[in-house]
Amino acid sequence: MNTIESNVAMRRVSRVLQWVGGFTSRSSVAATIAVVMLAFLVSMSIAGFPNRWQTGMSTTAESITLVMLFVIQHTQSRQQIALQLKLDELIRSSPHADDHLVHIELAADAELIEREQGQVAHHESLREALTTDE
């Protein structure tokens, strides 16, 4: 498979994962799943909790959980990237903003801690200035 075909396949997979994430986030889907689960539990109790049903339900639940783990991770990662791009654009457009913050998420941990401490100190000094002015 060449690069173009793999990019097309990746985009298709991404769209499917986004659709699954959007579909499963609806309250109607959650309510439907709750009703189905309740009906299944009632059926199991009436049937005497057969082992085959329990095994089937357990396997199905574990499989769905594993798939949803990747769906959620993909959609959250995509949303995080989009949000980061929007914030970067806001930083770039502000004349008073520090341009070093545009890609701060790529910085070393020490730089992140240093910048955070600088921000905290700056905000504390602003608060102190406000309380002394009153």
C-alpha atoms as a PDB file:
ATOM      1  CA  MET A   1       0.000   0.000   0.000  1.00  0.00           C
ATOM      2  CA  ASN A   2       1.502   3.321  -1.015  1.00  0.00           C
ATOM      3  CA  THR A   3       1.445   6.528   1.023  1.00  0.00           C
ATOM      4  CA  ILE A   4      -1.577   8.050  -0.719  1.00  0.00           C
ATOM      5  CA  GLU A   5      -3.640   4.903  -0.207  1.00  0.00           C
ATOM      6  CA  SER A   6      -2.596   4.707   3.437  1.00  0.00           C
ATOM      7  CA  ASN A   7      -3.539   8.387   3.972  1.00  0.00           C
ATOM      8  CA  VAL A   8      -6.955   7.753   2.409  1.00  0.00           C
ATOM      9  CA  ALA A   9      -7.412   4.684   4.596  1.00  0.00           C
ATOM     10  CA  MET A  10      -6.356   6.634   7.701  1.00  0.00           C
ATOM     11  CA  ARG A  11      -8.848   9.402   6.893  1.00  0.00           C
ATOM     12  CA  ARG A  12     -11.623   6.848   6.438  1.00  0.00           C
ATOM     13  CA  VAL A  13     -10.797   5.193   9.742  1.00  0.00           C
ATOM     14  CA  SER A  14     -10.678   8.613  11.403  1.00  0.00           C
ATOM     15  CA  ARG A  15     -14.108   9.515  10.014  1.00  0.00           C
ATOM     16  CA  VAL A  16     -15.559   6.196  11.203  1.00  0.00           C
ATOM     17  CA  LEU A  17     -14.093   6.695  14.678  1.00  0.00           C
ATOM     18  CA  GLN A  18     -15.452  10.253  14.791  1.00  0.00           C
ATOM     19  CA  TRP A  19     -18.886   9.001  13.746  1.00  0.00           C
ATOM     20  CA  VAL A  20     -18.846   6.241  16.382  1.00  0.00           C
ATOM     21  CA  GLY A  21     -17.733   8.765  19.010  1.00  0.00           C
ATOM     22  CA  GLY A  22     -20.473  11.207  18.028  1.00  0.00           C
ATOM     23  CA  PHE A  23     -23.127   8.489  17.862  1.00  0.00           C
ATOM     24  CA  THR A  24     -22.268   6.929  21.210  1.00  0.00           C
ATOM     25  CA  SER A  25     -22.176  10.305  22.960  1.00  0.00           C
ATOM     26  CA  ARG A  26     -25.922  10.815  22.465  1.00  0.00           C
ATOM     27  CA  SER A  27     -28.166  10.441  25.493  1.00  0.00           C
ATOM     28  CA  SER A  28     -30.636   8.359  23.467  1.00  0.00           C
ATOM     29  CA  VAL A  29     -27.926   5.770  22.812  1.00  0.00           C
ATOM     30  CA  ALA A  30     -27.071   5.611  26.522  1.00  0.00           C
ATOM     31  CA  ALA A  31     -30.759   5.172  27.397  1.00  0.00           C
ATOM     32  CA  THR A  32     -31.154   2.440  24.769  1.00  0.00           C
ATOM     33  CA  ILE A  33     -28.110   0.572  26.080  1.00  0.00           C
ATOM     34  CA  ALA A  34     -29.449   0.838  29.644  1.00  0.00           C
ATOM     35  CA  VAL A  35     -32.821  -0.626  28.573  1.00  0.00           C
ATOM     36  CA  VAL A  36     -31.126  -3.431  26.614  1.00  0.00           C
ATOM     37  CA  MET A  37     -28.885  -4.260  29.587  1.00  0.00           C
ATOM     38  CA  LEU A  38     -31.851  -4.288  31.975  1.00  0.00           C
ATOM     39  CA  ALA A  39     -33.803  -6.565  29.616  1.00  0.00           C
ATOM     40  CA  PHE A  40     -30.796  -8.868  29.298  1.00  0.00           C
ATOM     41  CA  LEU A  41     -30.359  -9.064  33.085  1.00  0.00           C
ATOM     42  CA  VAL A  42     -34.060  -9.849  33.569  1.00  0.00           C
ATOM     43  CA  SER A  43     -33.866 -12.532  30.850  1.00  0.00           C
ATOM     44  CA  MET A  44     -30.768 -14.020  32.470  1.00  0.00           C
ATOM     45  CA  SER A  45     -32.411 -14.155  35.894  1.00  0.00           C
ATOM     46  CA  ILE A  46     -35.523 -15.827  34.443  1.00  0.00           C
ATOM     47  CA  ALA A  47     -33.354 -18.366  32.586  1.00  0.00           C
ATOM     48  CA  GLY A  48     -31.316 -19.160  35.711  1.00  0.00           C
ATOM     49  CA  PHE A  49     -28.137 -17.309  34.731  1.00  0.00           C
ATOM     50  CA  PRO A  50     -26.818 -19.757  32.107  1.00  0.00           C
ATOM     51  CA  ASN A  51     -23.018 -19.805  31.855  1.00  0.00           C
ATOM     52  CA  ARG A  52     -23.053 -19.426  28.059  1.00  0.00           C
ATOM     53  CA  TRP A  53     -25.069 -16.199  28.338  1.00  0.00           C
ATOM     54  CA  GLN A  54     -22.780 -14.833  31.028  1.00  0.00           C
ATOM     55  CA  THR A  55     -19.700 -15.655  28.968  1.00  0.00           C
ATOM     56  CA  GLY A  56     -21.225 -14.105  25.858  1.00  0.00           C
ATOM     57  CA  MET A  57     -22.220 -10.960  27.726  1.00  0.00           C
ATOM     58  CA  SER A  58     -18.815 -10.666  29.366  1.00  0.00           C
ATOM     59  CA  THR A  59     -16.974 -11.104  26.062  1.00  0.00           C
ATOM     60  CA  THR A  60     -19.236  -8.585  24.315  1.00  0.00           C
ATOM     61  CA  ALA A  61     -18.821  -6.005  27.087  1.00  0.00           C
ATOM     62  CA  GLU A  62     -15.040  -6.391  27.118  1.00  0.00           C
ATOM     63  CA  SER A  63     -14.836  -6.070  23.331  1.00  0.00           C
ATOM     64  CA  ILE A  64     -17.012  -2.957  23.274  1.00  0.00           C
ATOM     65  CA  THR A  65     -14.971  -1.440  26.106  1.00  0.00           C
ATOM     66  CA  LEU A  66     -11.710  -2.013  24.235  1.00  0.00           C
ATOM     67  CA  VAL A  67     -13.062  -0.507  21.008  1.00  0.00           C
ATOM     68  CA  MET A  68     -14.510   2.498  22.865  1.00  0.00           C
ATOM     69  CA  LEU A  69     -11.156   3.089  24.551  1.00  0.00           C
ATOM     70  CA  PHE A  70      -9.579   3.714  21.152  1.00  0.00           C
ATOM     71  CA  VAL A  71     -12.566   5.681  19.848  1.00  0.00           C
ATOM     72  CA  ILE A  72     -12.451   8.023  22.837  1.00  0.00           C
ATOM     73  CA  GLN A  73      -8.665   8.383  22.633  1.00  0.00           C
ATOM     74  CA  HIS A  74      -8.846   9.227  18.924  1.00  0.00           C
ATOM     75  CA  THR A  75     -11.629  11.780  19.244  1.00  0.00           C
ATOM     76  CA  GLN A  76     -10.062  13.459  22.286  1.00  0.00           C
ATOM     77  CA  SER A  77      -6.673  13.627  20.582  1.00  0.00           C
ATOM     78  CA  ARG A  78      -8.246  15.187  17.504  1.00  0.00           C
ATOM     79  CA  GLN A  79     -10.168  17.729  19.594  1.00  0.00           C
ATOM     80  CA  GLN A  80      -7.018  18.549  21.579  1.00  0.00           C
ATOM     81  CA  ILE A  81      -5.067  19.201  18.376  1.00  0.00           C
ATOM     82  CA  ALA A  82      -7.834  21.453  17.032  1.00  0.00           C
ATOM     83  CA  LEU A  83      -8.012  23.367  20.313  1.00  0.00           C
ATOM     84  CA  GLN A  84      -4.230  23.746  20.393  1.00  0.00           C
ATOM     85  CA  LEU A  85      -4.230  25.139  16.851  1.00  0.00           C
ATOM     86  CA  LYS A  86      -6.925  27.658  17.776  1.00  0.00           C
ATOM     87  CA  LEU A  87      -5.004  28.770  20.856  1.00  0.00           C
ATOM     88  CA  ASP A  88      -1.789  29.056  18.847  1.00  0.00           C
ATOM     89  CA  GLU A  89      -3.596  31.280  16.350  1.00  0.00           C
ATOM     90  CA  LEU A  90      -4.888  33.504  19.164  1.00  0.00           C
ATOM     91  CA  ILE A  91      -1.381  33.831  20.585  1.00  0.00           C
ATOM     92  CA  ARG A  92       0.024  34.702  17.156  1.00  0.00           C
ATOM     93  CA  SER A  93      -2.658  37.348  16.584  1.00  0.00           C
ATOM     94  CA  SER A  94      -2.115  39.136  19.899  1.00  0.00           C
ATOM     95  CA  PRO A  95       0.627  41.782  19.717  1.00  0.00           C
ATOM     96  CA  HIS A  96       1.343  41.521  23.472  1.00  0.00           C
ATOM     97  CA  ALA A  97       1.546  37.720  23.560  1.00  0.00           C
ATOM     98  CA  ASP A  98       4.766  35.794  24.081  1.00  0.00           C
ATOM     99  CA  ASP A  99       5.491  34.009  20.782  1.00  0.00           C
ATOM    100  CA  HIS A 100       7.428  31.317  22.654  1.00  0.00           C
ATOM    101  CA  LEU A 101       4.094  30.029  23.957  1.00  0.00           C
ATOM    102  CA  VAL A 102       2.854  29.066  20.495  1.00  0.00           C
ATOM    103  CA  HIS A 103       4.389  25.592  20.696  1.00  0.00           C
ATOM    104  CA  ILE A 104       5.057  25.395  24.432  1.00  0.00           C
ATOM    105  CA  GLU A 105       3.559  21.882  24.556  1.00  0.00           C
ATOM    106  CA  LEU A 106       6.749  20.684  22.826  1.00  0.00           C
ATOM    107  CA  ALA A 107       9.030  22.246  25.451  1.00  0.00           C
ATOM    108  CA  ALA A 108      10.959  20.343  28.085  1.00  0.00           C
ATOM    109  CA  ASP A 109       9.308  19.788  31.462  1.00  0.00           C
ATOM    110  CA  ALA A 110      11.751  22.152  33.153  1.00  0.00           C
ATOM    111  CA  GLU A 111      10.728  24.993  30.834  1.00  0.00           C
ATOM    112  CA  LEU A 112       7.037  24.293  31.449  1.00  0.00           C
ATOM    113  CA  ILE A 113       7.566  24.388  35.214  1.00  0.00           C
ATOM    114  CA  GLU A 114       9.626  27.581  34.952  1.00  0.00           C
ATOM    115  CA  ARG A 115       6.952  29.304  32.841  1.00  0.00           C
ATOM    116  CA  GLU A 116       4.184  28.135  35.164  1.00  0.00           C
ATOM    117  CA  GLN A 117       6.016  29.494  38.192  1.00  0.00           C
ATOM    118  CA  GLY A 118       6.561  32.767  36.335  1.00  0.00           C
ATOM    119  CA  GLN A 119       2.831  33.008  35.589  1.00  0.00           C
ATOM    120  CA  VAL A 120       1.920  32.288  39.218  1.00  0.00           C
ATOM    121  CA  ALA A 121       4.372  34.931  40.450  1.00  0.00           C
ATOM    122  CA  HIS A 122       3.005  37.443  37.929  1.00  0.00           C
ATOM    123  CA  HIS A 123      -0.603  36.856  39.005  1.00  0.00           C
ATOM    124  CA  GLU A 124       0.310  37.039  42.693  1.00  0.00           C
ATOM    125  CA  SER A 125       2.051  40.373  42.141  1.00  0.00           C
ATOM    126  CA  LEU A 126      -1.042  41.681  40.333  1.00  0.00           C
ATOM    127  CA  ARG A 127      -3.256  40.582  43.250  1.00  0.00           C
ATOM    128  CA  GLU A 128      -0.933  42.248  45.738  1.00  0.00           C
ATOM    129  CA  ALA A 129      -0.981  45.456  43.707  1.00  0.00           C
ATOM    130  CA  LEU A 130      -4.785  45.409  43.707  1.00  0.00           C
ATOM    131  CA  THR A 131      -5.024  44.886  47.470  1.00  0.00           C
ATOM    132  CA  THR A 132      -2.539  47.672  48.213  1.00  0.00           C
ATOM    133  CA  ASP A 133      -4.475  50.067  45.957  1.00  0.00           C
ATOM    134  CA  GLU A 134      -7.691  49.510  47.913  1.00  0.00           C
END
